[in-house]
């Protein structure tokens, strides 16, 4: 048969194959298994990933939980896919063949050997590997016409026990590779339960200008009922705080240390919880282009985030003695979670692209326009070299705004040479962000340092570890990390621009939250007559950190 039968497998490989087979036979999805064994959906997806670089191992305790979930001893589960499936079927008083037939019977008729019945239209919930097929070596027949494999749903020319099925995992993989040009660029291989309606198939470079495929061509699925996920996230955060205090007998310091240690897994649970029933599923481990890969462990990738580090030339300030107010922006990274994030794998294109009109987001290789303004920082941040560079979506949009008539045409628009983009949404993390913001506001109102530090650790660690970190093995999205950081830097530049437009003198802009001004910023108003810098600790407010006095010119 296949090489998979001849090559000895490790215990983890046997376990993964058994889990895939049991999910197929039982008709369950990975999220149902995750709920049953009390793990996050990301964790189960990571452990069952087909890509070795994205895979994490199952633990012994998790293997015990899987066995209990499917109602069998752990040693039976570890005996392999065939034994585990037979035990699962036996516990329900039936056979594996009957279970598969019962699931497919309402929507398909299976072609028996030698019959002229129509090919089956199997209804597997998600593509799975053919681990059981490698173990079933008997009753293999040739079909008169290709029919969908009951495991991967791709055409198969063989049948096992009368059901259309590939004989080995290699055949399923080969069929999947052959079908790639017609499928969505987002992962649909069982690593993630992606929404197959978004985005469309991988286009040629000029396909962005062509009409999108009609919705009738996309596989449909029942719309899930969605609850108020922001309130669900708030309840989740409150419960974690309450449980930590109870676990540590009201010791605030010990409870805070515990919650900060748990910030990353709790942030992933919150993201997962607030995405249930959403229109788009999170792709946790997409294919990444070379621009997002580090050449070595100690060297960065090619993306320029436009982090500001700018101080004004004093000669450009009016002469005299001035008071410089050092303002701090509250929750910069928390606010930046509301930005346009790519949903699936990034697709390459050449030349100019209108990402706003096409609702796409990603990274762009551009030649920026010249910046000649001493009173404002460059939207590209503190850059030592000239020439083209890779920037994220927030930076591109900021440069285009600066080049617009509304902003006074501060520079020429950037010239886009090539891009890596995907369909995007601004609301991917909105419910998680709103839940964190609400709990943060409550903590400030009640002077609750424990809750405030917990929320701060969650959003800051989420952003810092979602790219490439050993502390977060459930999400690998360096593209999101760069875009969120770039959005925070872009938000700070916007505040500097508005301050200058309101007649204030911008003295320094740095990091994500540092803005130094000369002038009465408390009275400054924006274009709609609203206060430009309301003072306070809210996300839309600023706080005064420090004041200093400077003297410019000979009149002082």
Protein backbone atom coordinates (compact mmCIF):
# COMPACT_ATOMS: atom_id res chain seq x y z
CA UNK A 1 0.00 0.00 0.00
CA UNK A 2 1.37 3.40 0.98
CA UNK A 3 4.67 4.36 2.54
CA UNK A 4 2.73 5.58 5.59
CA UNK A 5 2.06 1.93 6.52
CA UNK A 6 5.71 0.93 6.26
CA UNK A 7 7.30 3.86 8.11
CA UNK A 8 7.03 3.59 11.91
CA UNK A 9 5.11 6.46 13.40
CA UNK A 10 5.76 8.30 16.63
CA UNK A 11 3.16 8.25 19.40
CA UNK A 12 2.21 11.84 18.59
CA UNK A 13 1.67 10.98 14.92
CA UNK A 14 -0.51 8.04 15.91
CA UNK A 15 -2.50 10.28 18.26
CA UNK A 16 -2.98 12.99 15.64
CA UNK A 17 -4.12 10.41 13.11
CA UNK A 18 -6.55 8.90 15.61
CA UNK A 19 -8.00 12.32 16.42
CA UNK A 20 -8.47 13.16 12.74
CA UNK A 21 -10.12 9.80 12.12
CA UNK A 22 -12.44 10.12 15.14
CA UNK A 23 -13.48 13.62 14.10
CA UNK A 24 -14.36 12.27 10.65
CA UNK A 25 -16.26 9.22 11.89
CA UNK A 26 -18.11 11.13 14.62
CA UNK A 27 -18.94 14.07 12.38
CA UNK A 28 -17.47 16.54 14.86
CA UNK A 29 -15.45 19.68 14.17
CA UNK A 30 -12.29 20.79 15.89
CA UNK A 31 -14.18 23.46 17.85
CA UNK A 32 -16.53 20.79 19.27
CA UNK A 33 -13.53 18.74 20.38
CA UNK A 34 -11.97 21.88 21.89
CA UNK A 35 -15.09 22.60 23.93
CA UNK A 36 -15.30 18.96 25.02
CA UNK A 37 -11.74 18.81 26.39
CA UNK A 38 -11.71 22.42 27.70
CA UNK A 39 -9.02 23.79 25.38
CA UNK A 40 -9.15 26.85 23.16
CA UNK A 41 -9.93 26.32 19.49
CA UNK A 42 -6.49 27.70 18.63
CA UNK A 43 -4.77 25.12 20.82
CA UNK A 44 -6.55 22.19 19.15
CA UNK A 45 -5.87 23.62 15.70
CA UNK A 46 -2.19 24.05 16.57
CA UNK A 47 -1.87 20.46 17.83
CA UNK A 48 -3.57 19.03 14.73
CA UNK A 49 -1.75 21.29 12.25
CA UNK A 50 -0.43 19.58 9.13
CA UNK A 51 2.48 22.00 8.94
CA UNK A 52 5.38 20.83 11.14
CA UNK A 53 6.60 24.37 11.81
CA UNK A 54 3.19 25.36 13.19
CA UNK A 55 2.55 22.18 15.18
CA UNK A 56 2.60 21.83 18.97
CA UNK A 57 2.44 18.46 20.80
CA UNK A 58 -0.49 16.96 22.67
CA UNK A 59 0.20 16.39 26.37
CA UNK A 60 -0.58 13.20 28.29
CA UNK A 61 -3.38 14.94 30.19
CA UNK A 62 -4.89 16.15 26.91
CA UNK A 63 -4.72 12.61 25.47
CA UNK A 64 -6.66 11.40 28.53
CA UNK A 65 -9.24 14.15 27.95
CA UNK A 66 -9.61 13.18 24.27
CA UNK A 67 -10.14 9.55 25.23
CA UNK A 68 -12.83 10.51 27.75
CA UNK A 69 -14.48 12.77 25.17
CA UNK A 70 -14.84 9.89 22.70
CA UNK A 71 -15.62 7.34 25.43
CA UNK A 72 -12.66 4.97 25.30
CA UNK A 73 -9.52 4.10 27.29
CA UNK A 74 -6.44 6.19 26.54
CA UNK A 75 -4.45 3.13 25.42
CA UNK A 76 -7.18 2.36 22.86
CA UNK A 77 -6.88 5.89 21.51
CA UNK A 78 -3.10 5.50 21.24
CA UNK A 79 -3.44 2.13 19.49
CA UNK A 80 -4.13 3.92 16.22
CA UNK A 81 -6.89 5.31 14.03
CA UNK A 82 -8.49 1.97 13.09
CA UNK A 83 -8.66 0.67 16.66
CA UNK A 84 -9.93 4.00 18.02
CA UNK A 85 -12.64 4.29 15.37
CA UNK A 86 -13.80 0.72 15.96
CA UNK A 87 -13.95 1.35 19.72
CA UNK A 88 -15.94 4.54 19.16
CA UNK A 89 -18.39 2.76 16.85
CA UNK A 90 -18.67 -0.25 19.20
CA UNK A 91 -19.58 2.02 22.12
CA UNK A 92 -22.57 3.16 20.04
CA UNK A 93 -23.58 -0.36 19.03
CA UNK A 94 -22.68 0.03 15.37
CA UNK A 95 -19.73 -0.14 12.95
CA UNK A 96 -17.43 2.45 11.39
CA UNK A 97 -18.93 1.76 7.98
CA UNK A 98 -22.44 2.29 9.30
CA UNK A 99 -21.48 5.57 11.04
CA UNK A 100 -20.04 7.01 7.83
CA UNK A 101 -23.03 5.76 5.85
CA UNK A 102 -25.51 7.29 8.31
CA UNK A 103 -23.82 10.68 8.02
CA UNK A 104 -23.81 10.61 4.22
CA UNK A 105 -27.14 8.87 3.63
CA UNK A 106 -29.44 11.93 3.68
CA UNK A 107 -27.56 13.78 0.95
CA UNK A 108 -25.83 11.12 -1.13
CA UNK A 109 -26.04 7.62 -2.52
CA UNK A 110 -22.78 5.68 -2.34
CA UNK A 111 -21.66 3.80 -5.42
CA UNK A 112 -21.30 0.11 -4.59
CA UNK A 113 -18.71 -1.98 -6.45
CA UNK A 114 -20.08 -2.96 -9.82
CA UNK A 115 -23.18 -0.77 -9.54
CA UNK A 116 -24.20 2.18 -11.71
CA UNK A 117 -25.32 4.46 -8.86
CA UNK A 118 -24.39 8.14 -8.97
CA UNK A 119 -21.21 9.20 -7.15
CA UNK A 120 -21.69 10.11 -3.49
CA UNK A 121 -21.71 13.71 -2.37
CA UNK A 122 -20.25 13.16 1.05
CA UNK A 123 -20.86 15.74 3.73
CA UNK A 124 -17.73 15.76 5.81
CA UNK A 125 -17.71 18.82 8.09
CA UNK A 126 -14.15 19.80 7.21
CA UNK A 127 -11.22 18.35 5.24
CA UNK A 128 -9.46 15.67 7.25
CA UNK A 129 -6.43 13.53 6.61
CA UNK A 130 -6.90 9.92 5.55
CA UNK A 131 -5.33 8.28 8.57
CA UNK A 132 -8.09 5.61 8.76
CA UNK A 133 -7.56 4.80 5.08
CA UNK A 134 -3.95 3.85 5.71
CA UNK A 135 -5.10 1.32 8.28
CA UNK A 136 -7.92 -0.22 6.20
CA UNK A 137 -6.21 -2.37 3.64
CA UNK A 138 -9.07 -4.70 2.76
CA UNK A 139 -12.03 -4.38 0.41
CA UNK A 140 -10.32 -1.87 -1.90
CA UNK A 141 -12.17 -1.59 -5.21
CA UNK A 142 -11.87 0.61 -8.27
CA UNK A 143 -14.75 2.98 -9.07
CA UNK A 144 -16.13 3.23 -12.57
CA UNK A 145 -16.22 7.03 -12.18
CA UNK A 146 -14.48 9.37 -9.70
CA UNK A 147 -16.52 10.18 -6.57
CA UNK A 148 -15.88 12.52 -3.61
CA UNK A 149 -13.66 10.99 -0.94
CA UNK A 150 -15.56 10.66 2.36
CA UNK A 151 -12.55 12.15 4.16
CA UNK A 152 -11.28 15.04 2.03
CA UNK A 153 -14.24 15.54 -0.36
CA UNK A 154 -11.93 15.50 -3.40
CA UNK A 155 -12.38 13.06 -6.33
CA UNK A 156 -11.28 9.50 -5.57
CA UNK A 157 -11.10 6.53 -7.96
CA UNK A 158 -11.03 3.85 -5.23
CA UNK A 159 -13.53 2.67 -2.62
CA UNK A 160 -12.95 1.13 0.80
CA UNK A 161 -15.74 -1.12 2.11
CA UNK A 162 -17.91 0.31 -0.66
CA UNK A 163 -17.33 3.99 0.19
CA UNK A 164 -15.39 6.35 -2.13
CA UNK A 165 -12.13 7.09 -0.36
CA UNK A 166 -8.44 7.68 -1.04
CA UNK A 167 -6.30 4.76 0.04
CA UNK A 168 -3.62 6.83 1.77
CA UNK A 169 -2.88 10.25 3.20
CA UNK A 170 -0.49 10.84 0.29
CA UNK A 171 -3.36 10.48 -2.19
CA UNK A 172 -5.53 12.95 -0.23
CA UNK A 173 -2.63 15.41 -0.16
CA UNK A 174 -1.99 14.97 -3.89
CA UNK A 175 -5.67 15.59 -4.65
CA UNK A 176 -5.64 18.69 -2.47
CA UNK A 177 -2.55 20.06 -4.24
CA UNK A 178 -4.17 19.47 -7.63
CA UNK A 179 -7.26 21.41 -6.53
CA UNK A 180 -5.38 24.43 -5.09
CA UNK A 181 -5.84 26.80 -8.11
CA UNK A 182 -9.63 26.60 -7.63
CA UNK A 183 -9.67 27.08 -3.87
CA UNK A 184 -9.52 30.04 -1.54
CA UNK A 185 -6.09 31.36 -0.51
CA UNK A 186 -7.07 31.03 3.15
CA UNK A 187 -6.19 27.73 4.76
CA UNK A 188 -8.96 25.15 4.40
CA UNK A 189 -6.92 22.08 5.24
CA UNK A 190 -8.25 21.34 8.71
CA UNK A 191 -5.61 23.44 10.50
CA UNK A 192 -8.21 26.19 10.85
CA UNK A 193 -11.94 26.27 10.42
CA UNK A 194 -11.89 29.14 7.97
CA UNK A 195 -14.88 30.84 6.44
CA UNK A 196 -14.88 29.52 2.87
CA UNK A 197 -16.75 32.56 1.62
CA UNK A 198 -13.85 34.97 2.21
CA UNK A 199 -11.57 35.77 0.48
CA UNK A 200 -11.84 34.70 -3.16
CA UNK A 201 -9.43 32.45 -5.05
CA UNK A 202 -5.82 33.52 -5.51
CA UNK A 203 -5.92 36.06 -8.36
CA UNK A 204 -3.41 37.04 -10.97
CA UNK A 205 -1.80 40.47 -10.40
CA UNK A 206 -4.37 42.23 -12.58
CA UNK A 207 -7.33 40.37 -11.15
CA UNK A 208 -7.88 43.00 -8.46
CA UNK A 209 -9.45 45.18 -11.14
CA UNK A 210 -11.84 42.45 -12.30
CA UNK A 211 -15.29 41.83 -10.74
CA UNK A 212 -15.31 39.47 -7.77
CA UNK A 213 -16.72 35.96 -8.28
CA UNK A 214 -20.48 35.72 -7.84
CA UNK A 215 -21.66 34.59 -4.43
CA UNK A 216 -23.46 31.61 -6.01
CA UNK A 217 -20.08 30.05 -6.75
CA UNK A 218 -19.05 30.09 -3.10
CA UNK A 219 -19.98 27.20 -0.79
CA UNK A 220 -22.75 28.24 1.58
CA UNK A 221 -23.15 27.32 5.21
CA UNK A 222 -25.86 27.95 7.81
CA UNK A 223 -25.58 31.32 9.49
CA UNK A 224 -24.72 30.93 13.17
CA UNK A 225 -26.75 32.81 15.73
CA UNK A 226 -24.54 35.43 17.32
CA UNK A 227 -24.91 36.63 20.90
CA UNK A 228 -23.70 39.89 22.40
CA UNK A 229 -20.07 38.82 22.37
CA UNK A 230 -18.81 42.05 23.94
CA UNK A 231 -20.85 41.38 27.07
CA UNK A 232 -19.68 37.76 26.99
CA UNK A 233 -16.08 38.98 26.91
CA UNK A 234 -16.70 41.38 29.79
CA UNK A 235 -18.20 38.56 31.85
CA UNK A 236 -15.19 36.37 31.03
CA UNK A 237 -12.75 39.04 32.26
CA UNK A 238 -14.71 39.73 35.42
CA UNK A 239 -14.90 36.02 36.20
CA UNK A 240 -11.14 35.62 35.79
CA UNK A 241 -10.51 38.49 38.22
CA UNK A 242 -13.01 37.12 40.74
CA UNK A 243 -11.57 33.59 40.52
CA UNK A 244 -8.00 34.86 40.96
CA UNK A 245 -8.94 36.77 44.10
CA UNK A 246 -10.81 33.79 45.48
CA UNK A 247 -7.95 31.41 44.67
CA UNK A 248 -5.43 33.65 46.48
CA UNK A 249 -7.69 34.43 49.48
CA UNK A 250 -8.06 38.09 48.57
CA UNK A 251 -4.31 38.75 48.31
CA UNK A 252 -4.26 41.52 45.67
CA UNK A 253 -0.53 41.27 44.96
CA UNK A 254 -0.59 37.49 44.50
CA UNK A 255 -3.77 37.62 42.38
CA UNK A 256 -2.28 40.33 40.16
CA UNK A 257 0.91 38.34 39.62
CA UNK A 258 -1.17 35.29 38.71
CA UNK A 259 -3.37 37.19 36.23
CA UNK A 260 -0.38 38.83 34.56
CA UNK A 261 1.20 35.38 34.09
CA UNK A 262 -2.05 34.17 32.55
CA UNK A 263 -2.45 37.24 30.33
CA UNK A 264 -1.48 35.54 27.06
CA UNK A 265 -3.68 32.41 27.30
CA UNK A 266 -6.53 34.55 28.64
CA UNK A 267 -6.15 36.97 25.72
CA UNK A 268 -6.34 34.08 23.27
CA UNK A 269 -9.44 32.72 25.03
CA UNK A 270 -11.02 36.17 24.89
CA UNK A 271 -10.29 36.50 21.18
CA UNK A 272 -11.73 33.06 20.56
CA UNK A 273 -14.78 33.72 22.73
CA UNK A 274 -15.60 37.01 21.03
CA UNK A 275 -15.24 35.47 17.56
CA UNK A 276 -17.87 32.73 18.02
CA UNK A 277 -20.62 33.07 15.48
CA UNK A 278 -18.72 35.76 13.62
CA UNK A 279 -18.78 36.08 9.86
CA UNK A 280 -15.04 35.55 9.52
CA UNK A 281 -12.96 32.88 11.23
CA UNK A 282 -9.45 33.68 12.44
CA UNK A 283 -6.67 32.07 10.38
CA UNK A 284 -4.06 31.52 13.06
CA UNK A 285 -1.23 30.10 10.91
CA UNK A 286 -1.33 31.39 7.33
CA UNK A 287 1.41 31.14 4.73
CA UNK A 288 3.80 34.08 5.09
CA UNK A 289 5.78 35.72 2.28
CA UNK A 290 9.54 36.20 2.68
CA UNK A 291 9.14 39.86 3.63
CA UNK A 292 7.61 38.69 6.93
CA UNK A 293 10.26 36.09 7.69
CA UNK A 294 13.32 36.89 9.76
CA UNK A 295 16.56 36.02 7.91
CA UNK A 296 18.11 35.03 11.25
CA UNK A 297 16.89 34.91 14.83
CA UNK A 298 18.52 38.24 15.68
CA UNK A 299 17.62 40.15 12.50
CA UNK A 300 14.21 41.70 11.78
CA UNK A 301 12.03 41.08 8.76
CA UNK A 302 11.62 43.67 5.97
CA UNK A 303 8.61 45.59 7.31
CA UNK A 304 9.09 49.23 8.34
CA UNK A 305 6.55 50.13 11.05
CA UNK A 306 7.16 53.92 10.92
CA UNK A 307 7.81 54.26 14.64
CA UNK A 308 8.14 57.99 15.37
CA UNK A 309 11.20 59.42 17.11
CA UNK A 310 11.16 63.09 16.24
CA UNK A 311 12.18 66.31 17.99
CA UNK A 312 11.61 69.72 16.48
CA UNK A 313 14.51 71.93 15.49
CA UNK A 314 14.47 74.72 18.06
CA UNK A 315 15.25 77.40 15.51
CA UNK A 316 11.86 76.74 13.92
CA UNK A 317 10.07 77.60 17.20
CA UNK A 318 9.09 81.21 18.08
CA UNK A 319 11.57 83.06 20.27
CA UNK A 320 10.94 83.45 23.99
CA UNK A 321 10.39 81.27 27.03
CA UNK A 322 7.84 78.49 26.62
CA UNK A 323 6.28 75.82 28.79
CA UNK A 324 6.37 72.40 27.15
CA UNK A 325 3.57 70.03 28.25
CA UNK A 326 4.44 66.35 27.90
CA UNK A 327 1.21 64.49 27.11
CA UNK A 328 0.67 60.74 27.31
CA UNK A 329 -1.85 58.93 25.09
CA UNK A 330 -3.86 56.31 27.00
CA UNK A 331 -4.05 52.68 25.87
CA UNK A 332 -2.37 53.26 22.51
CA UNK A 333 -2.15 49.58 21.53
CA UNK A 334 -5.68 48.88 22.80
CA UNK A 335 -7.06 51.60 20.53
CA UNK A 336 -4.92 50.30 17.64
CA UNK A 337 -6.69 46.91 17.75
CA UNK A 338 -9.38 48.60 15.69
CA UNK A 339 -7.54 48.60 12.38
CA UNK A 340 -7.84 46.88 9.02
CA UNK A 341 -6.36 43.38 9.45
CA UNK A 342 -5.93 40.84 6.63
CA UNK A 343 -8.12 37.78 7.08
CA UNK A 344 -6.32 35.06 5.18
CA UNK A 345 -3.10 34.45 3.30
CA UNK A 346 -1.47 37.42 1.63
CA UNK A 347 -1.57 37.47 -2.18
CA UNK A 348 1.06 39.17 -4.32
CA UNK A 349 0.26 41.88 -6.88
CA UNK A 350 2.30 44.26 -9.03
CA UNK A 351 1.79 48.00 -9.41
CA UNK A 352 -0.71 50.35 -7.81
CA UNK A 353 -3.64 49.02 -5.79
CA UNK A 354 -6.59 50.79 -4.15
CA UNK A 355 -6.92 48.83 -0.92
CA UNK A 356 -9.74 51.03 0.40
CA UNK A 357 -11.98 50.41 -2.59
CA UNK A 358 -11.09 46.72 -2.76
CA UNK A 359 -11.33 46.26 1.03
CA UNK A 360 -7.89 44.74 1.29
CA UNK A 361 -5.01 45.17 3.71
CA UNK A 362 -1.39 44.11 3.84
CA UNK A 363 2.06 45.41 2.95
CA UNK A 364 3.38 47.52 0.11
CA UNK A 365 6.78 48.17 -1.43
CA UNK A 366 6.71 51.92 -2.07
CA UNK A 367 8.84 54.89 -2.93
CA UNK A 368 7.63 57.65 -0.60
CA UNK A 369 7.37 61.32 -1.49
CA UNK A 370 9.86 63.84 -0.12
CA UNK A 371 9.11 65.36 3.29
CA UNK A 372 10.18 69.01 3.77
CA UNK A 373 8.34 70.17 6.89
CA UNK A 374 10.28 71.14 10.00
CA UNK A 375 7.16 71.75 12.12
CA UNK A 376 5.76 68.21 11.72
CA UNK A 377 7.26 64.71 11.96
CA UNK A 378 7.46 62.55 8.87
CA UNK A 379 4.64 59.92 8.81
CA UNK A 380 7.36 57.37 7.96
CA UNK A 381 8.98 57.91 11.34
CA UNK A 382 12.67 58.15 12.13
CA UNK A 383 14.29 56.75 8.99
CA UNK A 384 18.01 57.06 8.25
CA UNK A 385 17.98 55.81 4.66
CA UNK A 386 16.16 57.02 1.56
CA UNK A 387 14.65 54.93 -1.19
CA UNK A 388 11.86 52.35 -1.47
CA UNK A 389 10.75 50.26 1.52
CA UNK A 390 8.05 47.85 2.70
CA UNK A 391 5.32 49.49 4.80
CA UNK A 392 2.06 48.28 6.35
CA UNK A 393 -1.48 49.32 5.47
CA UNK A 394 -1.84 52.01 8.19
CA UNK A 395 1.36 53.73 7.06
CA UNK A 396 0.29 53.68 3.41
CA UNK A 397 -3.07 55.20 4.24
CA UNK A 398 -1.40 57.83 6.43
CA UNK A 399 0.95 58.85 3.61
CA UNK A 400 -1.98 59.09 1.20
CA UNK A 401 -3.90 61.26 3.66
CA UNK A 402 -0.88 63.53 4.10
CA UNK A 403 -0.72 63.87 0.31
CA UNK A 404 -4.42 64.79 0.06
CA UNK A 405 -5.87 68.29 -0.31
CA UNK A 406 -7.58 67.99 3.10
CA UNK A 407 -4.15 67.74 4.77
CA UNK A 408 -2.66 70.50 2.64
CA UNK A 409 -0.73 68.22 0.27
CA UNK A 410 2.18 67.86 2.66
CA UNK A 411 3.96 65.41 0.33
CA UNK A 412 3.57 63.51 -2.90
CA UNK A 413 1.59 60.25 -2.68
CA UNK A 414 3.77 57.13 -2.40
CA UNK A 415 4.44 55.14 -5.57
CA UNK A 416 3.44 51.49 -5.05
CA UNK A 417 5.63 48.96 -6.85
CA UNK A 418 4.25 45.69 -5.48
CA UNK A 419 2.03 44.49 -2.65
CA UNK A 420 1.10 41.49 -0.49
CA UNK A 421 -2.55 41.88 0.52
CA UNK A 422 -5.63 39.94 1.57
CA UNK A 423 -9.31 40.67 2.09
CA UNK A 424 -9.61 42.60 5.35
CA UNK A 425 -11.94 43.83 8.04
CA UNK A 426 -11.64 46.54 10.68
CA UNK A 427 -13.82 44.61 13.13
CA UNK A 428 -11.85 41.39 13.55
CA UNK A 429 -10.85 42.20 17.15
CA UNK A 430 -13.53 44.80 17.86
CA UNK A 431 -15.53 42.81 20.44
CA UNK A 432 -12.38 41.78 22.29
CA UNK A 433 -11.16 45.40 22.22
CA UNK A 434 -14.53 46.69 23.44
CA UNK A 435 -14.60 44.17 26.30
CA UNK A 436 -11.09 45.12 27.41
CA UNK A 437 -11.94 48.82 27.15
CA UNK A 438 -15.07 48.43 29.28
CA UNK A 439 -13.31 46.50 32.04
CA UNK A 440 -10.45 49.03 31.93
CA UNK A 441 -12.91 51.92 32.34
CA UNK A 442 -14.57 50.17 35.28
CA UNK A 443 -11.18 49.54 36.90
CA UNK A 444 -10.23 53.23 36.59
CA UNK A 445 -13.59 54.38 37.95
CA UNK A 446 -13.25 52.13 41.01
CA UNK A 447 -9.49 52.62 41.44
CA UNK A 448 -9.03 48.88 40.84
CA UNK A 449 -5.31 48.48 40.13
CA UNK A 450 -5.63 44.69 39.85
CA UNK A 451 -8.12 44.81 36.98
CA UNK A 452 -6.32 47.70 35.28
CA UNK A 453 -2.96 45.92 35.25
CA UNK A 454 -4.61 42.68 34.11
CA UNK A 455 -6.23 44.36 31.10
CA UNK A 456 -3.01 46.21 30.24
CA UNK A 457 -1.02 42.96 30.33
CA UNK A 458 -3.57 41.23 28.10
CA UNK A 459 -3.60 43.66 25.19
CA UNK A 460 0.10 44.57 25.34
CA UNK A 461 1.24 40.94 25.50
CA UNK A 462 -1.22 39.90 22.82
CA UNK A 463 0.30 42.39 20.39
CA UNK A 464 3.90 41.61 21.34
CA UNK A 465 3.56 37.80 21.14
CA UNK A 466 1.26 37.29 18.15
CA UNK A 467 4.19 37.69 15.76
CA UNK A 468 6.91 35.22 16.74
CA UNK A 469 7.10 34.20 20.39
CA UNK A 470 7.60 31.04 22.39
CA UNK A 471 5.07 32.38 24.89
CA UNK A 472 2.18 32.29 22.41
CA UNK A 473 2.00 29.07 20.41
CA UNK A 474 -1.67 29.48 19.46
CA UNK A 475 -1.32 32.38 17.03
CA UNK A 476 1.38 33.25 14.48
CA UNK A 477 0.40 36.47 12.72
CA UNK A 478 3.44 38.76 12.33
CA UNK A 479 1.41 40.64 9.71
CA UNK A 480 -1.16 41.56 12.37
CA UNK A 481 1.58 42.56 14.81
CA UNK A 482 3.19 44.95 12.30
CA UNK A 483 -0.14 46.44 11.24
CA UNK A 484 -1.37 47.01 14.81
CA UNK A 485 1.91 48.68 15.77
CA UNK A 486 1.85 50.80 12.63
CA UNK A 487 -1.73 51.80 13.45
CA UNK A 488 -0.65 52.97 16.91
CA UNK A 489 2.15 55.07 15.38
CA UNK A 490 -0.23 56.45 12.75
CA UNK A 491 -2.75 57.42 15.46
CA UNK A 492 -0.04 59.39 17.26
CA UNK A 493 0.97 61.20 14.05
CA UNK A 494 -2.69 62.16 13.52
CA UNK A 495 -2.78 63.79 16.96
CA UNK A 496 0.39 65.74 16.17
CA UNK A 497 -1.09 66.93 12.87
CA UNK A 498 -4.34 68.04 14.53
CA UNK A 499 -2.42 69.83 17.27
CA UNK A 500 -0.46 71.78 14.65
CA UNK A 501 -3.67 72.57 12.73
CA UNK A 502 -5.18 73.93 15.97
CA UNK A 503 -2.29 76.40 16.39
CA UNK A 504 -0.22 74.44 18.90
CA UNK A 505 3.52 73.92 18.44
CA UNK A 506 4.59 70.28 18.25
CA UNK A 507 7.94 69.86 20.03
CA UNK A 508 8.40 66.11 20.25
CA UNK A 509 6.68 62.91 19.05
CA UNK A 510 7.99 59.54 20.16
CA UNK A 511 6.91 55.91 20.56
CA UNK A 512 3.21 55.16 20.68
CA UNK A 513 2.06 57.64 23.30
CA UNK A 514 4.47 60.57 23.75
CA UNK A 515 3.42 63.99 22.43
CA UNK A 516 5.06 67.25 23.64
CA UNK A 517 3.27 70.52 22.88
CA UNK A 518 3.59 74.27 23.43
CA UNK A 519 0.32 76.11 23.81
CA UNK A 520 -3.07 75.83 25.51
CA UNK A 521 -3.92 72.29 24.49
CA UNK A 522 -6.84 72.08 26.95
CA UNK A 523 -8.72 74.73 24.97
CA UNK A 524 -7.80 73.40 21.52
CA UNK A 525 -10.76 72.19 19.44
CA UNK A 526 -10.96 70.05 16.34
CA UNK A 527 -12.73 70.58 13.03
CA UNK A 528 -16.17 69.82 14.55
CA UNK A 529 -15.71 72.05 17.56
CA UNK A 530 -15.02 69.19 19.96
CA UNK A 531 -12.12 69.32 22.45
CA UNK A 532 -9.01 68.07 20.73
CA UNK A 533 -7.30 66.76 23.86
CA UNK A 534 -9.82 66.06 26.64
CA UNK A 535 -7.93 65.40 29.86
CA UNK A 536 -8.43 62.14 31.70
CA UNK A 537 -7.54 58.44 31.66
CA UNK A 538 -10.03 57.23 29.06
CA UNK A 539 -8.98 55.82 25.70
CA UNK A 540 -10.00 59.05 23.93
CA UNK A 541 -8.35 61.25 26.56
CA UNK A 542 -4.78 62.31 27.40
CA UNK A 543 -2.95 62.87 30.65
CA UNK A 544 -0.25 65.37 31.52
CA UNK A 545 2.92 63.54 32.58
CA UNK A 546 5.34 66.39 32.98
CA UNK A 547 6.07 70.07 32.26
CA UNK A 548 9.35 71.77 31.45
CA UNK A 549 10.46 75.22 30.41
CA UNK A 550 12.60 76.02 27.37
CA UNK A 551 14.09 79.29 26.12
CA UNK A 552 14.40 80.08 22.42
CA UNK A 553 16.33 82.99 20.91
CA UNK A 554 17.93 86.17 22.31
CA UNK A 555 14.76 87.80 23.67
CA UNK A 556 14.57 85.42 26.61
